[in-house]
Amino acid sequence: MIIEQRTYQLKPGSLHEFLKTYEVEGLEIQTAAFGELVGYFVSEVGELNRIVQLWKFESFEDRQQRRARLASMPEWRALLSKIGPLLVSQRNEILTPASFSPIR
């Protein structure tokens, strides 16, 4: 099992627009392709205008297959044209749980 941590830095003032658009149009699409959303977070202190998503995959190969499925969906590409301009940067990390982690 792996967790992908996706961190998005948004343009100042665009957080609420991003969240509203993603919740209404993107969450269902991405969940259908990816599977298990572990968590979705917004920064309140420190670097602001930042969103962190945590997605669970069975393996790196599972992640690759699911990402390819998502990328092939026309409705996902249409959504990216709406939310893409709101992004400043994106960072992805693959995390593996320690043997004593509650999430394994």
PDB file of N, CA and C in Angstrom:
ATOM      1  N   MET A   1       0.834  -1.163   0.000  1.00  0.00           N
ATOM      2  CA  MET A   1       0.000   0.000   0.000  1.00  0.00           C
ATOM      3  C   MET A   1       0.891   1.242   0.000  1.00  0.00           C
ATOM      4  N   ILE A   2       0.475   2.223  -0.790  1.00  0.00           N
ATOM      5  CA  ILE A   2       1.164   3.514  -0.812  1.00  0.00           C
ATOM      6  C   ILE A   2       0.127   4.620  -0.690  1.00  0.00           C
ATOM      7  N   ILE A   3       0.596   5.766  -0.238  1.00  0.00           N
ATOM      8  CA  ILE A   3      -0.227   6.974  -0.181  1.00  0.00           C
ATOM      9  C   ILE A   3       0.425   8.005  -1.079  1.00  0.00           C
ATOM     10  N   GLU A   4      -0.358   8.593  -1.954  1.00  0.00           N
ATOM     11  CA  GLU A   4       0.143   9.709  -2.753  1.00  0.00           C
ATOM     12  C   GLU A   4      -0.347  11.000  -2.099  1.00  0.00           C
ATOM     13  N   GLN A   5       0.604  11.850  -1.763  1.00  0.00           N
ATOM     14  CA  GLN A   5       0.286  13.167  -1.215  1.00  0.00           C
ATOM     15  C   GLN A   5       0.439  14.176  -2.340  1.00  0.00           C
ATOM     16  N   ARG A   6      -0.655  14.817  -2.686  1.00  0.00           N
ATOM     17  CA  ARG A   6      -0.663  15.810  -3.755  1.00  0.00           C
ATOM     18  C   ARG A   6      -0.905  17.178  -3.106  1.00  0.00           C
ATOM     19  N   THR A   7       0.046  18.077  -3.257  1.00  0.00           N
ATOM     20  CA  THR A   7      -0.046  19.401  -2.652  1.00  0.00           C
ATOM     21  C   THR A   7      -0.144  20.443  -3.759  1.00  0.00           C
ATOM     22  N   TYR A   8      -1.167  21.254  -3.694  1.00  0.00           N
ATOM     23  CA  TYR A   8      -1.403  22.296  -4.695  1.00  0.00           C
ATOM     24  C   TYR A   8      -1.288  23.667  -4.033  1.00  0.00           C
ATOM     25  N   GLN A   9      -0.497  24.533  -4.621  1.00  0.00           N
ATOM     26  CA  GLN A   9      -0.419  25.929  -4.206  1.00  0.00           C
ATOM     27  C   GLN A   9      -1.319  26.705  -5.174  1.00  0.00           C
ATOM     28  N   LEU A  10      -2.279  27.429  -4.618  1.00  0.00           N
ATOM     29  CA  LEU A  10      -3.240  28.160  -5.441  1.00  0.00           C
ATOM     30  C   LEU A  10      -2.919  29.645  -5.479  1.00  0.00           C
ATOM     31  N   LYS A  11      -3.416  30.291  -6.500  1.00  0.00           N
ATOM     32  CA  LYS A  11      -3.287  31.747  -6.576  1.00  0.00           C
ATOM     33  C   LYS A  11      -4.061  32.357  -5.419  1.00  0.00           C
ATOM     34  N   PRO A  12      -3.524  33.415  -4.796  1.00  0.00           N
ATOM     35  CA  PRO A  12      -4.247  34.067  -3.703  1.00  0.00           C
ATOM     36  C   PRO A  12      -5.650  34.479  -4.155  1.00  0.00           C
ATOM     37  N   GLY A  13      -6.611  34.203  -3.309  1.00  0.00           N
ATOM     38  CA  GLY A  13      -7.999  34.563  -3.600  1.00  0.00           C
ATOM     39  C   GLY A  13      -8.771  33.525  -4.396  1.00  0.00           C
ATOM     40  N   SER A  14      -8.136  32.423  -4.769  1.00  0.00           N
ATOM     41  CA  SER A  14      -8.819  31.434  -5.613  1.00  0.00           C
ATOM     42  C   SER A  14      -9.212  30.159  -4.864  1.00  0.00           C
ATOM     43  N   LEU A  15      -8.917  30.078  -3.583  1.00  0.00           N
ATOM     44  CA  LEU A  15      -9.162  28.851  -2.814  1.00  0.00           C
ATOM     45  C   LEU A  15     -10.627  28.430  -2.859  1.00  0.00           C
ATOM     46  N   HIS A  16     -11.533  29.354  -2.565  1.00  0.00           N
ATOM     47  CA  HIS A  16     -12.953  28.997  -2.503  1.00  0.00           C
ATOM     48  C   HIS A  16     -13.491  28.591  -3.870  1.00  0.00           C
ATOM     49  N   GLU A  17     -13.051  29.248  -4.920  1.00  0.00           N
ATOM     50  CA  GLU A  17     -13.470  28.866  -6.267  1.00  0.00           C
ATOM     51  C   GLU A  17     -12.968  27.464  -6.613  1.00  0.00           C
ATOM     52  N   PHE A  18     -11.715  27.185  -6.287  1.00  0.00           N
ATOM     53  CA  PHE A  18     -11.153  25.859  -6.549  1.00  0.00           C
ATOM     54  C   PHE A  18     -11.944  24.787  -5.798  1.00  0.00           C
ATOM     55  N   LEU A  19     -12.137  24.992  -4.490  1.00  0.00           N
ATOM     56  CA  LEU A  19     -12.836  23.995  -3.681  1.00  0.00           C
ATOM     57  C   LEU A  19     -14.255  23.753  -4.180  1.00  0.00           C
ATOM     58  N   LYS A  20     -14.962  24.813  -4.495  1.00  0.00           N
ATOM     59  CA  LYS A  20     -16.352  24.680  -4.969  1.00  0.00           C
ATOM     60  C   LYS A  20     -16.388  23.906  -6.287  1.00  0.00           C
ATOM     61  N   THR A  21     -15.534  24.281  -7.220  1.00  0.00           N
ATOM     62  CA  THR A  21     -15.512  23.622  -8.524  1.00  0.00           C
ATOM     63  C   THR A  21     -15.114  22.165  -8.388  1.00  0.00           C
ATOM     64  N   TYR A  22     -14.081  21.906  -7.593  1.00  0.00           N
ATOM     65  CA  TYR A  22     -13.620  20.529  -7.413  1.00  0.00           C
ATOM     66  C   TYR A  22     -14.683  19.674  -6.733  1.00  0.00           C
ATOM     67  N   GLU A  23     -15.309  20.197  -5.687  1.00  0.00           N
ATOM     68  CA  GLU A  23     -16.314  19.410  -4.968  1.00  0.00           C
ATOM     69  C   GLU A  23     -17.494  19.061  -5.869  1.00  0.00           C
ATOM     70  N   VAL A  24     -17.950  20.019  -6.656  1.00  0.00           N
ATOM     71  CA  VAL A  24     -19.125  19.815  -7.505  1.00  0.00           C
ATOM     72  C   VAL A  24     -18.793  18.989  -8.746  1.00  0.00           C
ATOM     73  N   GLU A  25     -17.638  19.250  -9.360  1.00  0.00           N
ATOM     74  CA  GLU A  25     -17.353  18.645 -10.657  1.00  0.00           C
ATOM     75  C   GLU A  25     -16.221  17.614 -10.655  1.00  0.00           C
ATOM     76  N   GLY A  26     -15.282  17.712  -9.736  1.00  0.00           N
ATOM     77  CA  GLY A  26     -14.093  16.876  -9.835  1.00  0.00           C
ATOM     78  C   GLY A  26     -14.007  15.711  -8.887  1.00  0.00           C
ATOM     79  N   LEU A  27     -14.518  15.854  -7.691  1.00  0.00           N
ATOM     80  CA  LEU A  27     -14.355  14.820  -6.671  1.00  0.00           C
ATOM     81  C   LEU A  27     -14.899  13.477  -7.133  1.00  0.00           C
ATOM     82  N   GLU A  28     -16.088  13.471  -7.678  1.00  0.00           N
ATOM     83  CA  GLU A  28     -16.696  12.216  -8.120  1.00  0.00           C
ATOM     84  C   GLU A  28     -15.885  11.572  -9.250  1.00  0.00           C
ATOM     85  N   ILE A  29     -15.413  12.385 -10.181  1.00  0.00           N
ATOM     86  CA  ILE A  29     -14.612  11.872 -11.305  1.00  0.00           C
ATOM     87  C   ILE A  29     -13.319  11.257 -10.788  1.00  0.00           C
ATOM     88  N   GLN A  30     -12.618  11.999  -9.939  1.00  0.00           N
ATOM     89  CA  GLN A  30     -11.328  11.523  -9.454  1.00  0.00           C
ATOM     90  C   GLN A  30     -11.489  10.304  -8.554  1.00  0.00           C
ATOM     91  N   THR A  31     -12.503  10.290  -7.728  1.00  0.00           N
ATOM     92  CA  THR A  31     -12.740   9.150  -6.846  1.00  0.00           C
ATOM     93  C   THR A  31     -13.085   7.901  -7.663  1.00  0.00           C
ATOM     94  N   ALA A  32     -13.855   8.063  -8.728  1.00  0.00           N
ATOM     95  CA  ALA A  32     -14.196   6.926  -9.582  1.00  0.00           C
ATOM     96  C   ALA A  32     -12.944   6.313 -10.206  1.00  0.00           C
ATOM     97  N   ALA A  33     -11.994   7.147 -10.576  1.00  0.00           N
ATOM     98  CA  ALA A  33     -10.762   6.653 -11.201  1.00  0.00           C
ATOM     99  C   ALA A  33      -9.743   6.173 -10.179  1.00  0.00           C
ATOM    100  N   PHE A  34      -9.591   6.906  -9.083  1.00  0.00           N
ATOM    101  CA  PHE A  34      -8.525   6.617  -8.114  1.00  0.00           C
ATOM    102  C   PHE A  34      -8.942   5.627  -7.042  1.00  0.00           C
ATOM    103  N   GLY A  35     -10.170   5.712  -6.583  1.00  0.00           N
ATOM    104  CA  GLY A  35     -10.571   4.837  -5.494  1.00  0.00           C
ATOM    105  C   GLY A  35     -10.632   5.567  -4.179  1.00  0.00           C
ATOM    106  N   GLU A  36      -9.747   5.232  -3.256  1.00  0.00           N
ATOM    107  CA  GLU A  36      -9.883   5.695  -1.874  1.00  0.00           C
ATOM    108  C   GLU A  36      -9.182   7.019  -1.588  1.00  0.00           C
ATOM    109  N   LEU A  37      -9.993   8.030  -1.316  1.00  0.00           N
ATOM    110  CA  LEU A  37      -9.491   9.315  -0.836  1.00  0.00           C
ATOM    111  C   LEU A  37      -9.307   9.192   0.671  1.00  0.00           C
ATOM    112  N   VAL A  38      -8.073   9.343   1.140  1.00  0.00           N
ATOM    113  CA  VAL A  38      -7.770   9.226   2.558  1.00  0.00           C
ATOM    114  C   VAL A  38      -8.082  10.535   3.275  1.00  0.00           C
ATOM    115  N   GLY A  39      -7.797  11.668   2.602  1.00  0.00           N
ATOM    116  CA  GLY A  39      -8.058  12.955   3.220  1.00  0.00           C
ATOM    117  C   GLY A  39      -7.879  14.095   2.238  1.00  0.00           C
ATOM    118  N   TYR A  40      -8.546  15.189   2.524  1.00  0.00           N
ATOM    119  CA  TYR A  40      -8.482  16.399   1.703  1.00  0.00           C
ATOM    120  C   TYR A  40      -8.391  17.567   2.677  1.00  0.00           C
ATOM    121  N   PHE A  41      -7.322  18.351   2.595  1.00  0.00           N
ATOM    122  CA  PHE A  41      -7.037  19.347   3.621  1.00  0.00           C
ATOM    123  C   PHE A  41      -6.746  20.715   3.014  1.00  0.00           C
ATOM    124  N   VAL A  42      -7.026  21.742   3.796  1.00  0.00           N
ATOM    125  CA  VAL A  42      -6.739  23.130   3.435  1.00  0.00           C
ATOM    126  C   VAL A  42      -5.857  23.713   4.526  1.00  0.00           C
ATOM    127  N   SER A  43      -4.818  24.433   4.135  1.00  0.00           N
ATOM    128  CA  SER A  43      -3.929  25.032   5.133  1.00  0.00           C
ATOM    129  C   SER A  43      -4.594  26.248   5.780  1.00  0.00           C
ATOM    130  N   GLU A  44      -4.416  26.367   7.076  1.00  0.00           N
ATOM    131  CA  GLU A  44      -4.973  27.493   7.832  1.00  0.00           C
ATOM    132  C   GLU A  44      -3.870  28.373   8.421  1.00  0.00           C
ATOM    133  N   VAL A  45      -2.687  27.803   8.596  1.00  0.00           N
ATOM    134  CA  VAL A  45      -1.547  28.505   9.176  1.00  0.00           C
ATOM    135  C   VAL A  45      -0.325  28.153   8.334  1.00  0.00           C
ATOM    136  N   GLY A  46       0.635  29.042   8.258  1.00  0.00           N
ATOM    137  CA  GLY A  46       1.833  28.783   7.461  1.00  0.00           C
ATOM    138  C   GLY A  46       1.582  29.192   6.023  1.00  0.00           C
ATOM    139  N   GLU A  47       1.951  28.326   5.092  1.00  0.00           N
ATOM    140  CA  GLU A  47       1.691  28.621   3.683  1.00  0.00           C
ATOM    141  C   GLU A  47       0.193  28.536   3.418  1.00  0.00           C
ATOM    142  N   LEU A  48      -0.388  29.651   3.072  1.00  0.00           N
ATOM    143  CA  LEU A  48      -1.826  29.695   2.831  1.00  0.00           C
ATOM    144  C   LEU A  48      -2.112  29.402   1.364  1.00  0.00           C
ATOM    145  N   ASN A  49      -3.400  29.298   1.043  1.00  0.00           N
ATOM    146  CA  ASN A  49      -3.831  28.993  -0.328  1.00  0.00           C
ATOM    147  C   ASN A  49      -3.249  27.662  -0.796  1.00  0.00           C
ATOM    148  N   ARG A  50      -3.229  26.711   0.104  1.00  0.00           N
ATOM    149  CA  ARG A  50      -2.641  25.406  -0.193  1.00  0.00           C
ATOM    150  C   ARG A  50      -3.636  24.306   0.126  1.00  0.00           C
ATOM    151  N   ILE A  51      -3.690  23.313  -0.748  1.00  0.00           N
ATOM    152  CA  ILE A  51      -4.555  22.142  -0.586  1.00  0.00           C
ATOM    153  C   ILE A  51      -3.682  20.905  -0.602  1.00  0.00           C
ATOM    154  N   VAL A  52      -4.012  19.941   0.267  1.00  0.00           N
ATOM    155  CA  VAL A  52      -3.296  18.670   0.301  1.00  0.00           C
ATOM    156  C   VAL A  52      -4.321  17.548   0.170  1.00  0.00           C
ATOM    157  N   GLN A  53      -4.084  16.672  -0.799  1.00  0.00           N
ATOM    158  CA  GLN A  53      -4.912  15.489  -0.994  1.00  0.00           C
ATOM    159  C   GLN A  53      -4.078  14.259  -0.669  1.00  0.00           C
ATOM    160  N   LEU A  54      -4.690  13.272  -0.030  1.00  0.00           N
ATOM    161  CA  LEU A  54      -4.035  11.993   0.224  1.00  0.00           C
ATOM    162  C   LEU A  54      -4.875  10.891  -0.413  1.00  0.00           C
ATOM    163  N   TRP A  55      -4.264  10.143  -1.329  1.00  0.00           N
ATOM    164  CA  TRP A  55      -4.941   9.058  -2.038  1.00  0.00           C
ATOM    165  C   TRP A  55      -4.227   7.737  -1.753  1.00  0.00           C
ATOM    166  N   LYS A  56      -4.998   6.686  -1.498  1.00  0.00           N
ATOM    167  CA  LYS A  56      -4.448   5.363  -1.203  1.00  0.00           C
ATOM    168  C   LYS A  56      -4.470   4.500  -2.467  1.00  0.00           C
ATOM    169  N   PHE A  57      -3.352   3.825  -2.711  1.00  0.00           N
ATOM    170  CA  PHE A  57      -3.236   2.889  -3.828  1.00  0.00           C
ATOM    171  C   PHE A  57      -2.641   1.595  -3.312  1.00  0.00           C
ATOM    172  N   GLU A  58      -2.950   0.499  -3.974  1.00  0.00           N
ATOM    173  CA  GLU A  58      -2.412  -0.795  -3.567  1.00  0.00           C
ATOM    174  C   GLU A  58      -0.919  -0.904  -3.856  1.00  0.00           C
ATOM    175  N   SER A  59      -0.471  -0.262  -4.949  1.00  0.00           N
ATOM    176  CA  SER A  59       0.929  -0.330  -5.347  1.00  0.00           C
ATOM    177  C   SER A  59       1.209   0.834  -6.300  1.00  0.00           C
ATOM    178  N   PHE A  60       2.491   1.004  -6.646  1.00  0.00           N
ATOM    179  CA  PHE A  60       2.843   2.038  -7.612  1.00  0.00           C
ATOM    180  C   PHE A  60       2.230   1.718  -8.974  1.00  0.00           C
ATOM    181  N   GLU A  61       2.178   0.449  -9.333  1.00  0.00           N
ATOM    182  CA  GLU A  61       1.580   0.039 -10.602  1.00  0.00           C
ATOM    183  C   GLU A  61       0.077   0.334 -10.618  1.00  0.00           C
ATOM    184  N   ASP A  62      -0.587   0.084  -9.489  1.00  0.00           N
ATOM    185  CA  ASP A  62      -2.012   0.415  -9.359  1.00  0.00           C
ATOM    186  C   ASP A  62      -2.213   1.910  -9.572  1.00  0.00           C
ATOM    187  N   ARG A  63      -1.355   2.718  -8.972  1.00  0.00           N
ATOM    188  CA  ARG A  63      -1.426   4.170  -9.139  1.00  0.00           C
ATOM    189  C   ARG A  63      -1.259   4.558 -10.603  1.00  0.00           C
ATOM    190  N   GLN A  64      -0.275   3.971 -11.279  1.00  0.00           N
ATOM    191  CA  GLN A  64      -0.038   4.301 -12.685  1.00  0.00           C
ATOM    192  C   GLN A  64      -1.257   3.975 -13.540  1.00  0.00           C
ATOM    193  N   GLN A  65      -1.856   2.825 -13.321  1.00  0.00           N
ATOM    194  CA  GLN A  65      -3.037   2.434 -14.090  1.00  0.00           C
ATOM    195  C   GLN A  65      -4.206   3.375 -13.831  1.00  0.00           C
ATOM    196  N   ARG A  66      -4.413   3.724 -12.572  1.00  0.00           N
ATOM    197  CA  ARG A  66      -5.531   4.613 -12.223  1.00  0.00           C
ATOM    198  C   ARG A  66      -5.298   6.030 -12.740  1.00  0.00           C
ATOM    199  N   ARG A  67      -4.058   6.503 -12.709  1.00  0.00           N
ATOM    200  CA  ARG A  67      -3.747   7.831 -13.253  1.00  0.00           C
ATOM    201  C   ARG A  67      -3.995   7.862 -14.756  1.00  0.00           C
ATOM    202  N   ALA A  68      -3.615   6.791 -15.441  1.00  0.00           N
ATOM    203  CA  ALA A  68      -3.849   6.715 -16.889  1.00  0.00           C
ATOM    204  C   ALA A  68      -5.350   6.726 -17.190  1.00  0.00           C
ATOM    205  N   ARG A  69      -6.128   6.016 -16.383  1.00  0.00           N
ATOM    206  CA  ARG A  69      -7.585   6.005 -16.551  1.00  0.00           C
ATOM    207  C   ARG A  69      -8.152   7.412 -16.378  1.00  0.00           C
ATOM    208  N   LEU A  70      -7.703   8.095 -15.338  1.00  0.00           N
ATOM    209  CA  LEU A  70      -8.186   9.461 -15.090  1.00  0.00           C
ATOM    210  C   LEU A  70      -7.811  10.391 -16.240  1.00  0.00           C
ATOM    211  N   ALA A  71      -6.578  10.305 -16.701  1.00  0.00           N
ATOM    212  CA  ALA A  71      -6.103  11.182 -17.771  1.00  0.00           C
ATOM    213  C   ALA A  71      -6.874  10.969 -19.073  1.00  0.00           C
ATOM    214  N   SER A  72      -7.441   9.787 -19.260  1.00  0.00           N
ATOM    215  CA  SER A  72      -8.174   9.504 -20.498  1.00  0.00           C
ATOM    216  C   SER A  72      -9.631   9.974 -20.461  1.00  0.00           C
ATOM    217  N   MET A  73     -10.091  10.436 -19.324  1.00  0.00           N
ATOM    218  CA  MET A  73     -11.496  10.825 -19.183  1.00  0.00           C
ATOM    219  C   MET A  73     -11.712  12.259 -19.679  1.00  0.00           C
ATOM    220  N   PRO A  74     -12.568  12.448 -20.698  1.00  0.00           N
ATOM    221  CA  PRO A  74     -12.816  13.798 -21.227  1.00  0.00           C
ATOM    222  C   PRO A  74     -13.353  14.768 -20.171  1.00  0.00           C
ATOM    223  N   GLU A  75     -14.178  14.274 -19.263  1.00  0.00           N
ATOM    224  CA  GLU A  75     -14.741  15.150 -18.237  1.00  0.00           C
ATOM    225  C   GLU A  75     -13.665  15.647 -17.271  1.00  0.00           C
ATOM    226  N   TRP A  76     -12.616  14.835 -17.056  1.00  0.00           N
ATOM    227  CA  TRP A  76     -11.503  15.267 -16.211  1.00  0.00           C
ATOM    228  C   TRP A  76     -10.690  16.355 -16.910  1.00  0.00           C
ATOM    229  N   ARG A  77     -10.431  16.142 -18.189  1.00  0.00           N
ATOM    230  CA  ARG A  77      -9.688  17.148 -18.959  1.00  0.00           C
ATOM    231  C   ARG A  77     -10.459  18.470 -19.020  1.00  0.00           C
ATOM    232  N   ALA A  78     -11.785  18.395 -19.128  1.00  0.00           N
ATOM    233  CA  ALA A  78     -12.606  19.610 -19.126  1.00  0.00           C
ATOM    234  C   ALA A  78     -12.494  20.328 -17.781  1.00  0.00           C
ATOM    235  N   LEU A  79     -12.491  19.565 -16.697  1.00  0.00           N
ATOM    236  CA  LEU A  79     -12.350  20.169 -15.371  1.00  0.00           C
ATOM    237  C   LEU A  79     -10.986  20.833 -15.225  1.00  0.00           C
ATOM    238  N   LEU A  80      -9.935  20.185 -15.721  1.00  0.00           N
ATOM    239  CA  LEU A  80      -8.596  20.762 -15.612  1.00  0.00           C
ATOM    240  C   LEU A  80      -8.500  22.113 -16.303  1.00  0.00           C
ATOM    241  N   SER A  81      -9.260  22.292 -17.370  1.00  0.00           N
ATOM    242  CA  SER A  81      -9.236  23.593 -18.050  1.00  0.00           C
ATOM    243  C   SER A  81      -9.851  24.689 -17.175  1.00  0.00           C
ATOM    244  N   LYS A  82     -10.704  24.309 -16.227  1.00  0.00           N
ATOM    245  CA  LYS A  82     -11.321  25.277 -15.310  1.00  0.00           C
ATOM    246  C   LYS A  82     -10.435  25.558 -14.096  1.00  0.00           C
ATOM    247  N   ILE A  83      -9.886  24.503 -13.501  1.00  0.00           N
ATOM    248  CA  ILE A  83      -9.136  24.690 -12.254  1.00  0.00           C
ATOM    249  C   ILE A  83      -7.644  24.895 -12.488  1.00  0.00           C
ATOM    250  N   GLY A  84      -7.138  24.465 -13.617  1.00  0.00           N
ATOM    251  CA  GLY A  84      -5.718  24.627 -13.921  1.00  0.00           C
ATOM    252  C   GLY A  84      -5.217  26.052 -13.796  1.00  0.00           C
ATOM    253  N   PRO A  85      -5.957  27.028 -14.325  1.00  0.00           N
ATOM    254  CA  PRO A  85      -5.501  28.415 -14.217  1.00  0.00           C
ATOM    255  C   PRO A  85      -5.446  28.960 -12.781  1.00  0.00           C
ATOM    256  N   LEU A  86      -6.063  28.247 -11.834  1.00  0.00           N
ATOM    257  CA  LEU A  86      -6.054  28.686 -10.434  1.00  0.00           C
ATOM    258  C   LEU A  86      -4.799  28.218  -9.693  1.00  0.00           C
ATOM    259  N   LEU A  87      -4.041  27.312 -10.306  1.00  0.00           N
ATOM    260  CA  LEU A  87      -2.869  26.721  -9.650  1.00  0.00           C
ATOM    261  C   LEU A  87      -1.599  27.529  -9.900  1.00  0.00           C
ATOM    262  N   VAL A  88      -0.759  27.583  -8.876  1.00  0.00           N
ATOM    263  CA  VAL A  88       0.575  28.166  -8.999  1.00  0.00           C
ATOM    264  C   VAL A  88       1.590  27.039  -9.162  1.00  0.00           C
ATOM    265  N   SER A  89       1.448  25.981  -8.347  1.00  0.00           N
ATOM    266  CA  SER A  89       2.364  24.848  -8.414  1.00  0.00           C
ATOM    267  C   SER A  89       1.696  23.603  -7.851  1.00  0.00           C
ATOM    268  N   GLN A  90       2.335  22.473  -8.136  1.00  0.00           N
ATOM    269  CA  GLN A  90       1.861  21.185  -7.643  1.00  0.00           C
ATOM    270  C   GLN A  90       3.066  20.350  -7.254  1.00  0.00           C
ATOM    271  N   ARG A  91       2.914  19.606  -6.172  1.00  0.00           N
ATOM    272  CA  ARG A  91       3.980  18.703  -5.722  1.00  0.00           C
ATOM    273  C   ARG A  91       3.340  17.367  -5.356  1.00  0.00           C
ATOM    274  N   ASN A  92       3.914  16.283  -5.846  1.00  0.00           N
ATOM    275  CA  ASN A  92       3.428  14.943  -5.534  1.00  0.00           C
ATOM    276  C   ASN A  92       4.513  14.175  -4.794  1.00  0.00           C
ATOM    277  N   GLU A  93       4.097  13.432  -3.787  1.00  0.00           N
ATOM    278  CA  GLU A  93       5.013  12.565  -3.059  1.00  0.00           C
ATOM    279  C   GLU A  93       4.351  11.208  -2.882  1.00  0.00           C
ATOM    280  N   ILE A  94       5.142  10.165  -2.982  1.00  0.00           N
ATOM    281  CA  ILE A  94       4.664   8.815  -2.707  1.00  0.00           C
ATOM    282  C   ILE A  94       5.166   8.435  -1.324  1.00  0.00           C
ATOM    283  N   LEU A  95       4.251   8.088  -0.444  1.00  0.00           N
ATOM    284  CA  LEU A  95       4.577   7.751   0.936  1.00  0.00           C
ATOM    285  C   LEU A  95       4.277   6.283   1.191  1.00  0.00           C
ATOM    286  N   THR A  96       5.163   5.619   1.902  1.00  0.00           N
ATOM    287  CA  THR A  96       4.920   4.242   2.321  1.00  0.00           C
ATOM    288  C   THR A  96       4.857   4.225   3.843  1.00  0.00           C
ATOM    289  N   PRO A  97       3.929   3.474   4.409  1.00  0.00           N
ATOM    290  CA  PRO A  97       3.765   3.482   5.862  1.00  0.00           C
ATOM    291  C   PRO A  97       4.879   2.732   6.583  1.00  0.00           C
ATOM    292  N   ALA A  98       5.249   3.249   7.738  1.00  0.00           N
ATOM    293  CA  ALA A  98       6.161   2.532   8.628  1.00  0.00           C
ATOM    294  C   ALA A  98       5.425   1.326   9.192  1.00  0.00           C
ATOM    295  N   SER A  99       6.157   0.354   9.688  1.00  0.00           N
ATOM    296  CA  SER A  99       5.547  -0.896  10.163  1.00  0.00           C
ATOM    297  C   SER A  99       4.547  -0.661  11.300  1.00  0.00           C
ATOM    298  N   PHE A 100       4.682   0.431  12.035  1.00  0.00           N
ATOM    299  CA  PHE A 100       3.798   0.700  13.171  1.00  0.00           C
ATOM    300  C   PHE A 100       2.729   1.743  12.853  1.00  0.00           C
ATOM    301  N   SER A 101       2.641   2.167  11.610  1.00  0.00           N
ATOM    302  CA  SER A 101       1.652   3.184  11.224  1.00  0.00           C
ATOM    303  C   SER A 101       0.233   2.647  11.343  1.00  0.00           C
ATOM    304  N   PRO A 102      -0.696   3.460  11.871  1.00  0.00           N
ATOM    305  CA  PRO A 102      -2.106   3.020  11.931  1.00  0.00           C
ATOM    306  C   PRO A 102      -2.693   2.784  10.534  1.00  0.00           C
ATOM    307  N   ILE A 103      -2.181   3.494   9.538  1.00  0.00           N
ATOM    308  CA  ILE A 103      -2.618   3.288   8.155  1.00  0.00           C
ATOM    309  C   ILE A 103      -1.573   2.413   7.496  1.00  0.00           C
ATOM    310  N   ARG A 104      -1.964   1.199   7.119  1.00  0.00           N
ATOM    311  CA  ARG A 104      -1.019   0.276   6.463  1.00  0.00           C
ATOM    312  C   ARG A 104      -1.695  -0.424   5.335  1.00  0.00           C
TER     313      ARG A 104
END
